[in-house]
Amino acid sequence: MKTRREALKQSALVAGLLASTGMFPQFAYAYNKAAFEAKSLADVVKAVGGNAPTESKDVTITGPDIAENGAVVPLGASCSLPGVKQVLILVEKNPAALVALFNVSDAVEPNFSTRAKMGQSSDVYAVAIMNDGKALYAKKEVKVTLGGCGG
């Protein structure tokens, strides 16, 4: 029977071998730098490979009308259409507009929620990038009384 120490040692060895051969899960490191550095809705959509964004009733953004603490603002995004490739959440007046990017497959329902920092009152966007490149969005204004980005 293996001791806990031996099991941990063997697990670390296997993880090291996988990392050295490039077989380590690459999704843990996947990140679209251009999208997270973009400053506007159109720039973010372009960086993730979408077409010009259009407003749609099939995309839903949820969040408070007034956030008392901008450090933890609950936001949600969903899309009722089939064929969604990515769901994005953006805060227009944040230093980096893109807050979250979720990759979607047919096995995943495009309905996500997260918490974001907001430095000031701003429009918040939920964007659904479809398999054909269409970018559909919904917008909501969230007023912040106490900023979370150093404000």
C-alpha atoms as a PDB file:
ATOM      1  CA  MET A   1       0.000   0.000   0.000  1.00  0.00           C
ATOM      2  CA  LYS A   2       1.350   3.428  -0.997  1.00  0.00           C
ATOM      3  CA  THR A   3       1.762   6.146   1.540  1.00  0.00           C
ATOM      4  CA  ARG A   4       0.345   9.595   0.940  1.00  0.00           C
ATOM      5  CA  ARG A   5       3.851  10.944   0.373  1.00  0.00           C
ATOM      6  CA  GLU A   6       4.578   8.354  -2.328  1.00  0.00           C
ATOM      7  CA  ALA A   7       1.268   9.080  -4.084  1.00  0.00           C
ATOM      8  CA  LEU A   8       1.951  12.836  -4.109  1.00  0.00           C
ATOM      9  CA  LYS A   9       5.485  12.251  -5.383  1.00  0.00           C
ATOM     10  CA  GLN A  10       4.207  10.062  -8.220  1.00  0.00           C
ATOM     11  CA  SER A  11       1.482  12.601  -9.115  1.00  0.00           C
ATOM     12  CA  ALA A  12       4.052  15.406  -9.279  1.00  0.00           C
ATOM     13  CA  LEU A  13       6.276  13.255 -11.492  1.00  0.00           C
ATOM     14  CA  VAL A  14       3.424  12.509 -13.922  1.00  0.00           C
ATOM     15  CA  ALA A  15       2.408  16.196 -14.054  1.00  0.00           C
ATOM     16  CA  GLY A  16       6.016  17.175 -14.761  1.00  0.00           C
ATOM     17  CA  LEU A  17       6.282  14.633 -17.566  1.00  0.00           C
ATOM     18  CA  LEU A  18       3.028  15.824 -19.139  1.00  0.00           C
ATOM     19  CA  ALA A  19       4.128  19.456 -18.929  1.00  0.00           C
ATOM     20  CA  SER A  20       7.504  18.694 -20.506  1.00  0.00           C
ATOM     21  CA  THR A  21       5.926  16.851 -23.457  1.00  0.00           C
ATOM     22  CA  GLY A  22       3.373  19.585 -24.126  1.00  0.00           C
ATOM     23  CA  MET A  23       0.441  17.329 -23.250  1.00  0.00           C
ATOM     24  CA  PHE A  24      -0.537  19.361 -20.208  1.00  0.00           C
ATOM     25  CA  PRO A  25      -4.013  20.885 -20.574  1.00  0.00           C
ATOM     26  CA  GLN A  26      -3.498  23.949 -22.727  1.00  0.00           C
ATOM     27  CA  PHE A  27      -6.869  25.453 -21.893  1.00  0.00           C
ATOM     28  CA  ALA A  28      -5.551  26.406 -18.478  1.00  0.00           C
ATOM     29  CA  TYR A  29      -3.177  28.779 -20.251  1.00  0.00           C
ATOM     30  CA  ALA A  30      -5.472  29.875 -23.108  1.00  0.00           C
ATOM     31  CA  TYR A  31      -6.132  33.583 -22.978  1.00  0.00           C
ATOM     32  CA  ASN A  32      -6.821  36.156 -25.681  1.00  0.00           C
ATOM     33  CA  LYS A  33      -4.489  39.039 -24.805  1.00  0.00           C
ATOM     34  CA  ALA A  34      -5.791  41.355 -27.553  1.00  0.00           C
ATOM     35  CA  ALA A  35      -9.387  40.941 -26.377  1.00  0.00           C
ATOM     36  CA  PHE A  36      -8.566  41.673 -22.732  1.00  0.00           C
ATOM     37  CA  GLU A  37      -6.504  44.742 -23.699  1.00  0.00           C
ATOM     38  CA  ALA A  38      -9.195  46.221 -25.991  1.00  0.00           C
ATOM     39  CA  LYS A  39     -10.936  49.357 -24.757  1.00  0.00           C
ATOM     40  CA  SER A  40     -14.314  49.297 -26.565  1.00  0.00           C
ATOM     41  CA  LEU A  41     -17.111  46.875 -27.455  1.00  0.00           C
ATOM     42  CA  ALA A  42     -16.237  46.897 -31.165  1.00  0.00           C
ATOM     43  CA  ASP A  43     -12.522  46.292 -30.481  1.00  0.00           C
ATOM     44  CA  VAL A  44     -13.238  43.344 -28.164  1.00  0.00           C
ATOM     45  CA  VAL A  45     -15.630  41.739 -30.651  1.00  0.00           C
ATOM     46  CA  LYS A  46     -13.087  42.180 -33.443  1.00  0.00           C
ATOM     47  CA  ALA A  47     -10.334  40.630 -31.289  1.00  0.00           C
ATOM     48  CA  VAL A  48     -12.404  37.474 -30.672  1.00  0.00           C
ATOM     49  CA  GLY A  49     -13.285  37.121 -34.349  1.00  0.00           C
ATOM     50  CA  GLY A  50     -16.824  38.478 -34.437  1.00  0.00           C
ATOM     51  CA  ASN A  51     -18.503  40.797 -36.926  1.00  0.00           C
ATOM     52  CA  ALA A  52     -19.894  44.242 -36.113  1.00  0.00           C
ATOM     53  CA  PRO A  53     -22.063  43.936 -32.974  1.00  0.00           C
ATOM     54  CA  THR A  54     -25.836  44.380 -33.236  1.00  0.00           C
ATOM     55  CA  GLU A  55     -28.346  44.676 -30.406  1.00  0.00           C
ATOM     56  CA  SER A  56     -30.623  41.654 -29.902  1.00  0.00           C
ATOM     57  CA  LYS A  57     -33.563  40.709 -27.669  1.00  0.00           C
ATOM     58  CA  ASP A  58     -32.214  37.113 -27.575  1.00  0.00           C
ATOM     59  CA  VAL A  59     -29.222  38.166 -25.454  1.00  0.00           C
ATOM     60  CA  THR A  60     -29.840  39.003 -21.789  1.00  0.00           C
ATOM     61  CA  ILE A  61     -27.666  40.911 -19.306  1.00  0.00           C
ATOM     62  CA  THR A  62     -28.433  40.801 -15.597  1.00  0.00           C
ATOM     63  CA  GLY A  63     -27.033  42.972 -12.854  1.00  0.00           C
ATOM     64  CA  PRO A  64     -28.111  45.453 -10.202  1.00  0.00           C
ATOM     65  CA  ASP A  65     -29.446  48.880 -11.172  1.00  0.00           C
ATOM     66  CA  ILE A  66     -27.377  50.356  -8.333  1.00  0.00           C
ATOM     67  CA  ALA A  67     -24.257  48.649  -6.996  1.00  0.00           C
ATOM     68  CA  GLU A  68     -23.357  49.866  -3.525  1.00  0.00           C
ATOM     69  CA  ASN A  69     -19.833  48.414  -3.724  1.00  0.00           C
ATOM     70  CA  GLY A  70     -18.056  48.460  -7.097  1.00  0.00           C
ATOM     71  CA  ALA A  71     -15.551  45.863  -5.905  1.00  0.00           C
ATOM     72  CA  VAL A  72     -18.057  42.993  -6.238  1.00  0.00           C
ATOM     73  CA  VAL A  73     -20.814  43.621  -8.771  1.00  0.00           C
ATOM     74  CA  PRO A  74     -22.766  40.470  -9.728  1.00  0.00           C
ATOM     75  CA  LEU A  75     -23.292  40.255 -13.502  1.00  0.00           C
ATOM     76  CA  GLY A  76     -24.869  37.601 -15.688  1.00  0.00           C
ATOM     77  CA  ALA A  77     -25.150  36.956 -19.417  1.00  0.00           C
ATOM     78  CA  SER A  78     -27.231  34.497 -21.402  1.00  0.00           C
ATOM     79  CA  CYS A  79     -28.440  33.839 -24.930  1.00  0.00           C
ATOM     80  CA  SER A  80     -31.588  31.954 -25.992  1.00  0.00           C
ATOM     81  CA  LEU A  81     -30.397  31.195 -29.551  1.00  0.00           C
ATOM     82  CA  PRO A  82     -28.660  27.975 -30.645  1.00  0.00           C
ATOM     83  CA  GLY A  83     -25.173  28.100 -32.165  1.00  0.00           C
ATOM     84  CA  VAL A  84     -23.429  30.284 -29.582  1.00  0.00           C
ATOM     85  CA  LYS A  85     -19.620  30.043 -29.691  1.00  0.00           C
ATOM     86  CA  GLN A  86     -18.665  32.554 -26.968  1.00  0.00           C
ATOM     87  CA  VAL A  87     -20.355  34.708 -24.343  1.00  0.00           C
ATOM     88  CA  LEU A  88     -18.601  37.897 -23.231  1.00  0.00           C
ATOM     89  CA  ILE A  89     -19.266  40.333 -20.393  1.00  0.00           C
ATOM     90  CA  LEU A  90     -17.896  43.868 -20.795  1.00  0.00           C
ATOM     91  CA  VAL A  91     -17.863  46.975 -18.592  1.00  0.00           C
ATOM     92  CA  GLU A  92     -17.489  50.025 -20.823  1.00  0.00           C
ATOM     93  CA  LYS A  93     -15.666  52.423 -18.464  1.00  0.00           C
ATOM     94  CA  ASN A  94     -13.285  49.914 -16.836  1.00  0.00           C
ATOM     95  CA  PRO A  95      -9.564  50.168 -17.710  1.00  0.00           C
ATOM     96  CA  ALA A  96      -9.933  46.804 -19.489  1.00  0.00           C
ATOM     97  CA  ALA A  97     -13.449  46.549 -20.929  1.00  0.00           C
ATOM     98  CA  LEU A  98     -13.607  42.742 -21.152  1.00  0.00           C
ATOM     99  CA  VAL A  99     -14.478  41.236 -17.769  1.00  0.00           C
ATOM    100  CA  ALA A 100     -15.159  37.621 -18.749  1.00  0.00           C
ATOM    101  CA  LEU A 101     -15.019  35.394 -21.826  1.00  0.00           C
ATOM    102  CA  PHE A 102     -16.806  32.028 -21.790  1.00  0.00           C
ATOM    103  CA  ASN A 103     -16.295  29.446 -24.558  1.00  0.00           C
ATOM    104  CA  VAL A 104     -19.492  27.541 -25.307  1.00  0.00           C
ATOM    105  CA  SER A 105     -20.083  24.144 -26.916  1.00  0.00           C
ATOM    106  CA  ASP A 106     -23.328  22.384 -27.827  1.00  0.00           C
ATOM    107  CA  ALA A 107     -23.175  20.586 -24.479  1.00  0.00           C
ATOM    108  CA  VAL A 108     -23.150  23.862 -22.508  1.00  0.00           C
ATOM    109  CA  GLU A 109     -26.102  26.179 -21.981  1.00  0.00           C
ATOM    110  CA  PRO A 110     -25.017  29.775 -22.727  1.00  0.00           C
ATOM    111  CA  ASN A 111     -25.977  31.160 -19.317  1.00  0.00           C
ATOM    112  CA  PHE A 112     -23.160  32.484 -17.108  1.00  0.00           C
ATOM    113  CA  SER A 113     -22.736  34.676 -14.061  1.00  0.00           C
ATOM    114  CA  THR A 114     -19.700  36.229 -12.413  1.00  0.00           C
ATOM    115  CA  ARG A 115     -18.648  39.135 -10.237  1.00  0.00           C
ATOM    116  CA  ALA A 116     -16.745  42.121 -11.590  1.00  0.00           C
ATOM    117  CA  LYS A 117     -14.990  45.206 -10.305  1.00  0.00           C
ATOM    118  CA  MET A 118     -16.390  48.500 -11.505  1.00  0.00           C
ATOM    119  CA  GLY A 119     -14.588  51.766 -10.857  1.00  0.00           C
ATOM    120  CA  GLN A 120     -17.555  53.960 -11.750  1.00  0.00           C
ATOM    121  CA  SER A 121     -21.078  53.917 -13.139  1.00  0.00           C
ATOM    122  CA  SER A 122     -21.035  52.434 -16.616  1.00  0.00           C
ATOM    123  CA  ASP A 123     -22.881  50.546 -19.311  1.00  0.00           C
ATOM    124  CA  VAL A 124     -22.420  46.777 -19.028  1.00  0.00           C
ATOM    125  CA  TYR A 125     -22.686  44.551 -22.112  1.00  0.00           C
ATOM    126  CA  ALA A 126     -23.456  40.878 -22.633  1.00  0.00           C
ATOM    127  CA  VAL A 127     -22.239  39.746 -26.052  1.00  0.00           C
ATOM    128  CA  ALA A 128     -22.965  36.427 -27.756  1.00  0.00           C
ATOM    129  CA  ILE A 129     -20.593  35.497 -30.575  1.00  0.00           C
ATOM    130  CA  MET A 130     -22.371  33.009 -32.839  1.00  0.00           C
ATOM    131  CA  ASN A 131     -20.774  30.166 -34.834  1.00  0.00           C
ATOM    132  CA  ASP A 132     -21.229  32.184 -38.061  1.00  0.00           C
ATOM    133  CA  GLY A 133     -19.396  35.219 -36.587  1.00  0.00           C
ATOM    134  CA  LYS A 134     -22.446  37.359 -35.780  1.00  0.00           C
ATOM    135  CA  ALA A 135     -22.072  39.369 -32.590  1.00  0.00           C
ATOM    136  CA  LEU A 136     -25.300  40.046 -30.706  1.00  0.00           C
ATOM    137  CA  TYR A 137     -25.418  42.140 -27.552  1.00  0.00           C
ATOM    138  CA  ALA A 138     -27.590  43.511 -24.768  1.00  0.00           C
ATOM    139  CA  LYS A 139     -26.767  46.561 -22.668  1.00  0.00           C
ATOM    140  CA  LYS A 140     -27.621  47.667 -19.122  1.00  0.00           C
ATOM    141  CA  GLU A 141     -26.542  50.699 -17.115  1.00  0.00           C
ATOM    142  CA  VAL A 142     -25.190  49.943 -13.643  1.00  0.00           C
ATOM    143  CA  LYS A 143     -24.722  52.853 -11.230  1.00  0.00           C
ATOM    144  CA  VAL A 144     -21.896  52.470  -8.715  1.00  0.00           C
ATOM    145  CA  THR A 145     -21.965  54.388  -5.442  1.00  0.00           C
ATOM    146  CA  LEU A 146     -18.531  53.236  -4.144  1.00  0.00           C
ATOM    147  CA  GLY A 147     -15.940  52.470  -6.832  1.00  0.00           C
ATOM    148  CA  GLY A 148     -14.019  49.207  -6.736  1.00  0.00           C
ATOM    149  CA  CYS A 149     -11.051  50.109  -8.968  1.00  0.00           C
ATOM    150  CA  GLY A 150      -9.266  52.473  -6.640  1.00  0.00           C
ATOM    151  CA  GLY A 151     -12.199  54.908  -6.538  1.00  0.00           C
END
